Each structure stands twice: as structure tokens, then as C-alpha cells.
Amino acid sequence: MKKPDIIALYADENGEIFDAPGILAMGREGKDTRLLTPDDLIPLPESADLIFLPDRQALGMTPDGEVLPLTGNAVSAILPAGYTRTMLPAFSMDEGVSRLPLYGYTAVCVYKDQLYAAAVYTDENHKWDPEHYNTKNLKQLIKRVKKDLPDNPLIAHLANCSLEWHCCTAENLFYRRWECGIPTSPVCNANCFGCISLQPAECCPSPQSRIKFRPTPEQIAEVGIYHLDNAPEGIISFGQGCEGEPSLAADNIAAGIRLIREKTTKGQININTNAGYTEGIRRIVDAGLDTMRVSIISAIPESYDAYYRSNYRLEDVKASIDYALKKGIYVSLNMLYFPGFNDRHDELDAWKDFFKELPVQMIQVRNLNIDPDAFLAVMPEAQTGYVGTRRFLRELKKEFPQMEIGSFSHYIE
């Protein structure tokens, strides 16, 4: 019996999506395109979205091997958290087209008469299911917290993040549960190419706005105590998408942590950080931090520098991680993942050396939300081939079986 074909998709000018019978679907790793195979695919997750890519013509392949552009725009899946893409959409484009918004573009197709995406399932966590957020009673819950904490400017900021940007960690404060973000820093020591809270005006728009004030230790502590005393499996996190680098607010955060721990021993205190300012990290760790998640894209200094464009170096990040590990902090890496980049042979070798030196407890693999061609244009050219996403994850797990590989921060007892 003939196996079912994997069929390409395209979209018209109005965004209506069609399949292309007889045309085989292609995907892309880095700059290279190839046919999608059943091993690349999983059924499209229920909460995924489909979008079309303007000014980018979908590519497909005829059964006799000819690659040809389709008469419409390329189509992409946008995956929910917990899924890691393995391939990008395949398309052609002219020079000078506008940069794409900050999303994680994923190859999608029709297979066995259903929609499939090029992805792997990396973590299961019901807490991040969209059905738990943006509920009808959210505005009423915000009013409750504003009444409980009437003079704290963080509440108005987090309310706006909840209603305007639909930030889950902001909403959790008002739902009184799980992980709650406490933004603290309007400034940053990096200029990440894919920053989600600050982009040049001529670039793609940021998906959320950055905090504009510096909360005091007392304001930080008031929110932290309120959440940890009320929330089951409560976590407070410094370093949200609506701020810069939290370690630059180390004095206020450290003082806030000490005030929190004078009042409650409940819950978990976390920082999401680039870890480039080691002195600030030390002060926060020593104040009573429980967990630390470090944003990172590469274990090769040249690649790291190309993306973060920071006033610190990868060695500073490693020094911060080393200090935290020696102090008993649970450390995870927020690995920004791009198929055809992180899984290059030299990148994989560098990661293995990194984890031998710094045995972090977890890596959280996160799809890098970026225009693929804009990203590759600023990163070092590939010097090696790549192993593919599935093998990349398998090899890391095989060599470091004690290290958890997932997508989310988990509550640590």
C-alpha cells in the first residue's frame, strides 16, 4: 500500500489556507530546505495557531523532485509552550521585504488528511494550558488585589500586563496560584537581537512593553508576601518579559527577598536572568534565592556575543552559574532554540563541554521567536553540519541523564 503523501500548504492574500494536492511539503533547517518526513511530524496541537507569512512564497516539491514556488504565501504553525519545533517553514522571498514579527515559525503540512507540525513534545505542564487564563472573572480578580494592595504601583503594572499582553505569570498574581512575575528593572546590560520588550523603531514591534519604574524593596516584598502566602505551589519570579535584566536591580531585589523571608517561609523565589552581572547575582543568591533560570543561546562565545550584544561575556555568565550551583541553587537554562543553529555539530560539542563544567539541573528548551532570515544574518555562518533537533536532545539526555530536559519552570520542594 502506498504511504500517504505529506502535502504542502499555502495561503492567499486574505489569509485563507489551502493545501496543494500533488505537491509535497518542505521544511527548513537553518538555510537548508528539504522534504518533510513522517519522523519530523506530530499532529498539530489543539491550541496551536496557523498564520501566513507575508511576502514569502511557499515552496513545495513535485513527486519527480522539482522544487517550485506555490501561488501563495507560506504558512506557519505557532506552537503552544511545551512543544519544540524541529523545522522552519520553507519559503522564498525577495530582498528588502519587511521583517517578520517575533514568533516561533514552525513548518506545517497536511498528512493523513490532518494538519501536522514539525515538532517534538518536550514538557507536560497543565499549569500553562491556555484554558486556565484570560477567564471571564479576571477583571473582578484584579479589582480584589487592587483593594488588598491599594498603594503598590506593581499591581497596576501587572494588571495591564494581564489585560493588555495576556501574560500568564502576571495573571497568576490575581488568580492566587503558581508562578507570579515581579518585574523590577527597566534597564538591561544586553541588547538581544530578539528582545521581546524593547526593539528599535524600524524593527518589528515588541509583543509587550517594558516597565518604566523601579519598585522599592517594600513594594517588591508586599507583592511577594501576598502571593506566597496565598498561592498553592507559589513562586515569585524576577526577570519577566516586560523588563530588562533583574540583576541590575540587585540591591532592591536582595532587600525585598530578605523582607519576604522575615514574614513567610512559604513558596519559592526565582530569578530569570542573563546572569551576566555576577556581582548582582551573588547578592541576590545570598539574600535567599531558591532557583535561577539563565537565558542562553549558545555555549560558543562568538555565537553568544552575536545574539546578546552585551557589555559582559559568556565567562561572566558561567561564573554566575558556578556561584549559584555552589550555593545549592537549583539552576536551569532557558535555551533559546532555533533548528539548524543550536543543533550544529560544533554547538552540540560546546554544550557537552559546558554541562561537564557546570552540571545544571535542567534545560528548558524554548522556541526562539524571531524572523529566521534576520536571525541567521547576524549569527556566525555554520562551520559544520547539524544533527537535527531530535538527535540533539537525545544526545544531551544520554550524556547527562541526571539533567532534566523540558520547557517550564517547575515547583521545587
Protein backbone atom coordinates (compact mmCIF):
# COMPACT_ATOMS: atom_id res chain seq x y z
CA MET A 1 0.00 0.00 0.00
CA LYS A 2 1.29 3.45 -0.92
CA LYS A 3 2.12 5.62 2.08
CA PRO A 4 0.14 8.87 2.32
CA ASP A 5 1.88 11.92 0.95
CA ILE A 6 2.86 14.87 3.09
CA ILE A 7 1.15 17.76 1.32
CA ALA A 8 2.23 21.41 1.20
CA LEU A 9 0.08 24.32 2.38
CA TYR A 10 -0.18 27.89 1.16
CA ALA A 11 -2.31 30.95 1.90
CA ASP A 12 -3.97 33.52 -0.35
CA GLU A 13 -3.86 37.30 0.10
CA ASN A 14 -6.76 37.17 2.55
CA GLY A 15 -5.03 34.62 4.75
CA GLU A 16 -7.24 31.70 3.74
CA ILE A 17 -5.20 28.48 3.86
CA PHE A 18 -5.28 25.76 1.20
CA ASP A 19 -3.49 22.51 0.60
CA ALA A 20 -1.70 21.83 -2.69
CA PRO A 21 -2.65 18.31 -3.84
CA GLY A 22 0.23 16.51 -5.51
CA ILE A 23 2.84 18.92 -4.10
CA LEU A 24 5.00 17.55 -1.30
CA ALA A 25 5.62 19.67 1.81
CA MET A 26 9.07 21.01 2.61
CA GLY A 27 10.68 22.39 5.74
CA ARG A 28 13.85 24.20 6.56
CA GLU A 29 16.77 23.75 8.96
CA GLY A 30 18.93 26.85 9.09
CA LYS A 31 19.26 27.89 5.46
CA ASP A 32 18.68 24.40 4.03
CA THR A 33 15.33 23.12 2.78
CA ARG A 34 14.27 19.50 2.39
CA LEU A 35 11.18 17.32 2.23
CA LEU A 36 9.30 16.73 5.46
CA THR A 37 9.19 13.10 6.59
CA PRO A 38 6.83 11.30 8.99
CA ASP A 39 9.62 11.26 11.61
CA ASP A 40 9.59 15.08 11.61
CA LEU A 41 5.91 15.38 12.40
CA ILE A 42 3.35 15.30 15.17
CA PRO A 43 -0.36 16.12 14.91
CA LEU A 44 -0.87 19.86 15.18
CA PRO A 45 -1.55 20.61 18.87
CA GLU A 46 -5.09 21.79 19.60
CA SER A 47 -4.00 25.16 20.96
CA ALA A 48 -1.58 25.92 18.10
CA ASP A 49 -2.30 28.77 15.71
CA LEU A 50 -1.81 28.96 11.95
CA ILE A 51 -0.59 32.16 10.33
CA PHE A 52 0.66 33.10 6.89
CA LEU A 53 4.00 34.79 6.20
CA PRO A 54 3.53 37.92 4.08
CA ASP A 55 5.85 38.45 1.11
CA ARG A 56 7.22 34.92 1.48
CA GLN A 57 6.21 32.46 -1.21
CA ALA A 58 5.51 28.90 -0.12
CA LEU A 59 7.79 26.18 -1.52
CA GLY A 60 6.90 22.60 -2.37
CA MET A 61 8.29 19.69 -4.37
CA THR A 62 6.76 17.72 -7.20
CA PRO A 63 6.83 13.91 -6.97
CA ASP A 64 9.70 13.89 -9.50
CA GLY A 65 11.85 16.11 -7.28
CA GLU A 66 11.40 19.61 -8.71
CA VAL A 67 11.29 22.38 -6.08
CA LEU A 68 8.84 25.08 -7.09
CA PRO A 69 7.16 28.13 -5.56
CA LEU A 70 3.44 27.88 -4.94
CA THR A 71 0.94 30.57 -5.88
CA GLY A 72 0.53 31.88 -2.34
CA ASN A 73 2.21 32.81 0.92
CA ALA A 74 4.00 30.34 3.18
CA VAL A 75 2.05 29.05 6.17
CA SER A 76 3.42 28.56 9.69
CA ALA A 77 2.25 26.96 12.89
CA ILE A 78 2.78 28.86 16.14
CA LEU A 79 3.12 26.20 18.81
CA PRO A 80 1.94 26.36 22.42
CA ALA A 81 4.52 26.17 25.19
CA GLY A 82 5.77 22.65 25.80
CA TYR A 83 6.39 21.91 22.10
CA THR A 84 9.77 22.42 20.43
CA ARG A 85 9.83 22.96 16.67
CA THR A 86 12.18 20.81 14.61
CA MET A 87 11.89 22.62 11.28
CA LEU A 88 11.04 26.07 9.95
CA PRO A 89 8.61 26.77 7.09
CA ALA A 90 10.18 26.61 3.63
CA PHE A 91 9.74 29.72 1.50
CA SER A 92 11.38 32.04 -0.99
CA MET A 93 11.39 35.83 -0.75
CA ASP A 94 12.71 38.91 -2.48
CA GLU A 95 15.27 41.22 -0.94
CA GLY A 96 14.04 44.15 1.13
CA VAL A 97 10.84 42.59 2.46
CA SER A 98 9.67 43.61 5.93
CA ARG A 99 10.96 41.67 8.91
CA LEU A 100 8.54 39.18 10.44
CA PRO A 101 7.09 39.74 13.94
CA LEU A 102 8.60 37.90 16.91
CA TYR A 103 7.02 34.44 16.68
CA GLY A 104 8.38 30.91 16.61
CA TYR A 105 7.72 29.93 12.98
CA THR A 106 7.18 26.19 12.50
CA ALA A 107 6.73 24.05 9.38
CA VAL A 108 3.19 22.74 8.97
CA CYS A 109 1.55 20.43 6.40
CA VAL A 110 -1.27 18.02 5.67
CA TYR A 111 -0.56 14.36 6.46
CA LYS A 112 -3.11 11.53 6.69
CA ASP A 113 -5.80 14.13 5.96
CA GLN A 114 -4.90 16.08 9.11
CA LEU A 115 -2.73 19.06 9.96
CA TYR A 116 0.72 18.13 11.26
CA ALA A 117 3.60 20.26 12.54
CA ALA A 118 7.36 19.67 12.58
CA ALA A 119 7.85 19.49 16.35
CA VAL A 120 8.52 17.37 19.41
CA TYR A 121 6.66 17.40 22.72
CA THR A 122 9.18 18.41 25.36
CA ASP A 123 7.17 19.06 28.53
CA GLU A 124 3.76 18.49 30.05
CA ASN A 125 2.51 21.08 32.49
CA HIS A 126 -1.19 21.66 32.88
CA LYS A 127 -0.50 24.95 34.66
CA TRP A 128 0.31 26.59 31.33
CA ASP A 129 -2.78 25.35 29.48
CA PRO A 130 -4.46 28.39 27.86
CA GLU A 131 -7.82 27.36 29.29
CA HIS A 132 -6.60 28.48 32.73
CA TYR A 133 -6.02 32.07 31.62
CA ASN A 134 -7.98 35.10 30.39
CA THR A 135 -11.13 33.87 32.10
CA LYS A 136 -14.30 35.91 32.38
CA ASN A 137 -13.69 36.72 36.05
CA LEU A 138 -10.13 38.06 35.59
CA LYS A 139 -11.14 41.73 35.80
CA GLN A 140 -13.00 41.07 39.04
CA LEU A 141 -9.98 39.27 40.49
CA ILE A 142 -7.79 42.23 39.56
CA LYS A 143 -10.15 44.53 41.47
CA ARG A 144 -9.79 42.26 44.53
CA VAL A 145 -6.00 42.50 44.56
CA LYS A 146 -6.07 46.26 43.93
CA LYS A 147 -8.29 46.54 47.01
CA ASP A 148 -5.96 44.33 49.06
CA LEU A 149 -2.80 46.20 47.96
CA PRO A 150 -4.12 49.68 47.10
CA ASP A 151 -0.90 51.71 47.05
CA ASN A 152 1.50 49.42 45.22
CA PRO A 153 2.33 50.51 41.63
CA LEU A 154 3.33 46.95 40.73
CA ILE A 155 -0.34 45.95 40.89
CA ALA A 156 -1.37 48.41 38.17
CA HIS A 157 1.58 47.33 36.04
CA LEU A 158 0.78 43.63 36.38
CA ALA A 159 -2.91 44.30 35.76
CA ASN A 160 -2.00 45.95 32.47
CA CYS A 161 0.29 43.02 31.59
CA SER A 162 -2.62 40.68 32.28
CA LEU A 163 -5.29 42.50 30.32
CA GLU A 164 -3.20 44.03 27.52
CA TRP A 165 -0.49 41.43 26.94
CA HIS A 166 -2.19 38.35 28.46
CA CYS A 167 0.95 37.50 30.44
CA CYS A 168 0.39 34.26 32.34
CA THR A 169 2.79 35.00 35.22
CA ALA A 170 1.15 38.39 35.70
CA GLU A 171 -2.32 36.84 35.71
CA ASN A 172 -1.30 34.26 38.31
CA LEU A 173 -0.98 37.01 40.93
CA PHE A 174 -4.68 37.75 40.53
CA TYR A 175 -5.66 34.08 40.32
CA ARG A 176 -3.59 33.50 43.52
CA ARG A 177 -1.71 30.47 42.19
CA TRP A 178 1.56 29.09 40.84
CA GLU A 179 4.26 31.37 39.37
CA CYS A 180 3.88 35.14 39.65
CA GLY A 181 6.23 37.59 37.97
CA ILE A 182 7.50 40.64 39.85
CA PRO A 183 9.21 42.95 37.34
CA THR A 184 11.89 45.19 38.81
CA SER A 185 14.32 46.51 36.20
CA PRO A 186 13.67 48.99 33.37
CA VAL A 187 17.26 48.65 32.12
CA CYS A 188 19.37 45.85 30.67
CA ASN A 189 23.05 45.03 30.14
CA ALA A 190 22.37 43.22 26.86
CA ASN A 191 20.89 44.27 23.54
CA CYS A 192 19.44 40.94 22.47
CA PHE A 193 18.60 40.69 18.79
CA GLY A 194 15.29 39.09 19.71
CA CYS A 195 14.38 41.15 22.79
CA ILE A 196 10.64 40.90 23.43
CA SER A 197 10.31 44.12 25.43
CA LEU A 198 12.50 46.61 23.56
CA GLN A 199 13.10 46.79 19.80
CA PRO A 200 14.34 49.60 17.54
CA ALA A 201 11.53 51.62 16.00
CA GLU A 202 12.46 50.48 12.49
CA CYS A 203 12.26 46.81 13.50
CA CYS A 204 9.36 44.54 14.27
CA PRO A 205 7.17 45.67 17.20
CA SER A 206 7.81 44.23 20.66
CA PRO A 207 4.97 41.99 21.90
CA GLN A 208 4.90 43.75 25.28
CA SER A 209 6.07 47.00 26.85
CA ARG A 210 8.86 47.34 29.42
CA ILE A 211 8.33 48.53 32.98
CA LYS A 212 9.19 52.23 33.40
CA PHE A 213 9.79 52.50 37.16
CA ARG A 214 11.95 50.85 39.82
CA PRO A 215 9.92 49.13 42.56
CA THR A 216 11.25 49.61 46.08
CA PRO A 217 12.19 46.67 48.34
CA GLU A 218 8.99 47.28 50.30
CA GLN A 219 6.83 47.19 47.15
CA ILE A 220 8.56 44.02 45.98
CA ALA A 221 8.12 42.38 49.37
CA GLU A 222 4.46 43.34 49.66
CA VAL A 223 3.60 41.57 46.39
CA GLY A 224 5.90 38.63 47.19
CA ILE A 225 4.44 38.01 50.64
CA TYR A 226 0.89 38.38 49.35
CA HIS A 227 1.46 35.81 46.61
CA LEU A 228 3.49 33.25 48.53
CA ASP A 229 1.07 33.29 51.46
CA ASN A 230 -1.97 32.77 49.20
CA ALA A 231 -0.83 30.67 46.23
CA PRO A 232 -0.60 26.87 46.12
CA GLU A 233 2.86 25.89 44.82
CA GLY A 234 3.62 29.60 44.86
CA ILE A 235 6.62 31.00 43.01
CA ILE A 236 7.67 34.61 42.63
CA SER A 237 9.98 35.33 39.71
CA PHE A 238 12.19 38.30 38.97
CA GLY A 239 13.07 38.79 35.32
CA GLN A 240 9.94 38.95 33.20
CA GLY A 241 9.34 39.70 29.54
CA CYS A 242 8.25 43.23 30.49
CA GLU A 243 11.59 44.23 31.98
CA GLY A 244 15.33 44.36 31.41
CA GLU A 245 17.92 42.46 33.44
CA PRO A 246 16.82 41.96 37.07
CA SER A 247 20.33 41.56 38.50
CA LEU A 248 20.84 45.26 37.72
CA ALA A 249 18.25 45.84 40.46
CA ALA A 250 20.15 43.54 42.83
CA ASP A 251 20.08 45.86 45.83
CA ASN A 252 16.30 46.27 45.75
CA ILE A 253 15.67 42.60 44.96
CA ALA A 254 18.02 41.34 47.69
CA ALA A 255 16.47 43.67 50.25
CA GLY A 256 13.00 42.63 49.08
CA ILE A 257 13.84 38.93 49.44
CA ARG A 258 15.05 39.47 52.99
CA LEU A 259 11.82 41.30 53.87
CA ILE A 260 9.79 38.46 52.34
CA ARG A 261 11.63 35.78 54.30
CA GLU A 262 11.16 37.71 57.53
CA LYS A 263 7.41 37.24 57.05
CA THR A 264 6.98 33.90 55.29
CA THR A 265 8.93 30.74 54.55
CA LYS A 266 6.36 29.57 52.02
CA GLY A 267 6.94 29.05 48.32
CA GLN A 268 9.87 29.52 46.00
CA ILE A 269 11.83 32.61 44.97
CA ASN A 270 13.21 32.51 41.43
CA ILE A 271 15.14 34.77 39.08
CA ASN A 272 15.09 34.67 35.27
CA THR A 273 18.33 36.30 34.21
CA ASN A 274 21.06 36.55 31.61
CA ALA A 275 23.46 36.11 34.57
CA GLY A 276 26.00 38.47 33.04
CA TYR A 277 26.31 40.72 36.11
CA THR A 278 27.90 38.25 38.51
CA GLU A 279 28.19 40.60 41.49
CA GLY A 280 24.45 41.29 41.33
CA ILE A 281 23.68 37.57 41.08
CA ARG A 282 25.83 36.89 44.13
CA ARG A 283 23.94 39.45 46.20
CA ILE A 284 20.57 38.02 45.15
CA VAL A 285 21.67 34.42 45.76
CA ASP A 286 23.00 35.29 49.22
CA ALA A 287 19.73 37.05 50.14
CA GLY A 288 17.78 33.77 49.94
CA LEU A 289 17.16 32.82 46.31
CA ASP A 290 15.86 29.29 45.66
CA THR A 291 16.07 28.83 41.88
CA MET A 292 17.69 30.55 38.92
CA ARG A 293 16.88 30.26 35.21
CA VAL A 294 19.52 31.59 32.85
CA SER A 295 18.68 32.75 29.33
CA ILE A 296 21.27 31.41 26.88
CA ILE A 297 21.51 30.64 23.18
CA SER A 298 24.97 29.18 22.70
CA ALA A 299 27.93 27.78 24.60
CA ILE A 300 30.31 29.21 21.96
CA PRO A 301 31.46 32.76 22.89
CA GLU A 302 31.30 34.14 19.34
CA SER A 303 27.75 32.91 18.83
CA TYR A 304 26.69 34.07 22.27
CA ASP A 305 28.09 37.57 21.66
CA ALA A 306 26.43 37.85 18.24
CA TYR A 307 22.97 37.40 19.75
CA TYR A 308 23.21 39.12 23.15
CA ARG A 309 25.41 42.06 22.06
CA SER A 310 26.08 42.68 25.74
CA ASN A 311 28.57 44.52 27.93
CA TYR A 312 29.53 41.22 29.61
CA ARG A 313 30.85 37.93 28.27
CA LEU A 314 29.89 34.27 28.39
CA GLU A 315 32.60 33.70 31.01
CA ASP A 316 30.71 36.07 33.32
CA VAL A 317 27.54 34.01 32.82
CA LYS A 318 29.43 30.84 33.66
CA ALA A 319 30.86 32.45 36.80
CA SER A 320 27.32 33.35 37.94
CA ILE A 321 26.07 29.80 37.33
CA ASP A 322 29.07 28.34 39.13
CA TYR A 323 28.45 30.55 42.16
CA ALA A 324 24.75 29.65 42.28
CA LEU A 325 25.42 25.91 41.97
CA LYS A 326 28.00 26.02 44.76
CA LYS A 327 25.43 27.78 46.97
CA GLY A 328 22.91 24.99 46.39
CA ILE A 329 20.65 26.91 44.00
CA TYR A 330 18.59 24.89 41.51
CA VAL A 331 19.79 26.19 38.14
CA SER A 332 18.07 25.74 34.80
CA LEU A 333 18.94 27.13 31.40
CA ASN A 334 16.35 28.83 29.24
CA MET A 335 17.83 27.56 25.97
CA LEU A 336 16.64 29.72 23.08
CA TYR A 337 16.26 27.16 20.31
CA PHE A 338 16.48 27.56 16.54
CA PRO A 339 16.58 24.48 14.23
CA GLY A 340 19.76 24.47 12.19
CA PHE A 341 21.64 26.58 14.72
CA ASN A 342 21.71 25.07 18.23
CA ASP A 343 21.95 21.57 16.76
CA ARG A 344 25.06 22.23 14.67
CA HIS A 345 27.81 19.73 15.44
CA ASP A 346 30.11 22.37 16.92
CA GLU A 347 27.33 23.85 19.03
CA LEU A 348 26.44 20.40 20.39
CA ASP A 349 30.08 19.71 21.26
CA ALA A 350 30.29 23.05 23.06
CA TRP A 351 27.13 22.29 25.03
CA LYS A 352 28.58 18.98 26.16
CA ASP A 353 31.70 20.74 27.44
CA PHE A 354 29.51 23.37 29.14
CA PHE A 355 27.45 20.80 31.06
CA LYS A 356 30.54 18.86 32.13
CA GLU A 357 31.88 22.05 33.68
CA LEU A 358 28.55 23.33 35.03
CA PRO A 359 26.13 20.48 35.88
CA VAL A 360 22.89 22.46 35.87
CA GLN A 361 19.79 20.58 36.91
CA MET A 362 17.62 21.37 33.89
CA ILE A 363 17.43 22.90 30.45
CA GLN A 364 14.19 24.48 29.30
CA VAL A 365 14.09 24.37 25.51
CA ARG A 366 12.21 27.39 24.17
CA ASN A 367 11.45 28.20 20.55
CA LEU A 368 13.30 31.39 19.62
CA ASN A 369 10.71 33.91 18.45
CA ILE A 370 12.47 35.62 15.55
CA ASP A 371 12.45 36.22 11.81
CA PRO A 372 14.54 33.24 10.59
CA ASP A 373 16.48 35.10 7.92
CA ALA A 374 17.13 38.14 10.11
CA PHE A 375 18.48 35.84 12.82
CA LEU A 376 20.80 33.92 10.51
CA ALA A 377 22.08 37.17 9.03
CA VAL A 378 23.51 38.32 12.38
CA MET A 379 24.79 34.95 13.63
CA PRO A 380 28.12 33.33 12.66
CA GLU A 381 28.00 31.24 9.50
CA ALA A 382 27.75 27.49 10.06
CA GLN A 383 31.15 25.80 10.16
CA THR A 384 29.68 22.30 10.50
CA GLY A 385 26.53 20.43 9.58
CA TYR A 386 23.79 19.76 12.11
CA VAL A 387 22.42 16.68 13.79
CA GLY A 388 18.73 17.62 13.89
CA THR A 389 16.62 18.59 16.89
CA ARG A 390 15.57 15.12 17.98
CA ARG A 391 19.12 13.77 17.97
CA PHE A 392 20.41 16.93 19.66
CA LEU A 393 18.04 16.38 22.59
CA ARG A 394 18.67 12.62 22.69
CA GLU A 395 22.44 13.05 22.83
CA LEU A 396 22.26 15.56 25.66
CA LYS A 397 19.95 13.30 27.65
CA LYS A 398 22.14 10.27 27.02
CA GLU A 399 25.34 12.01 28.14
CA PHE A 400 23.72 13.85 31.06
CA PRO A 401 20.92 11.55 32.28
CA GLN A 402 20.58 13.44 35.58
CA MET A 403 19.71 16.65 33.73
CA GLU A 404 16.02 17.25 33.12
CA ILE A 405 15.00 18.44 29.66
CA GLY A 406 11.70 20.27 29.44
CA SER A 407 10.10 23.62 28.71
CA PHE A 408 8.80 25.02 32.00
CA SER A 409 9.95 26.12 35.43
CA HIS A 410 8.64 23.56 37.91
CA TYR A 411 7.89 23.97 41.59
CA ILE A 412 10.87 22.64 43.55
CA GLU A 413 10.14 21.31 47.02
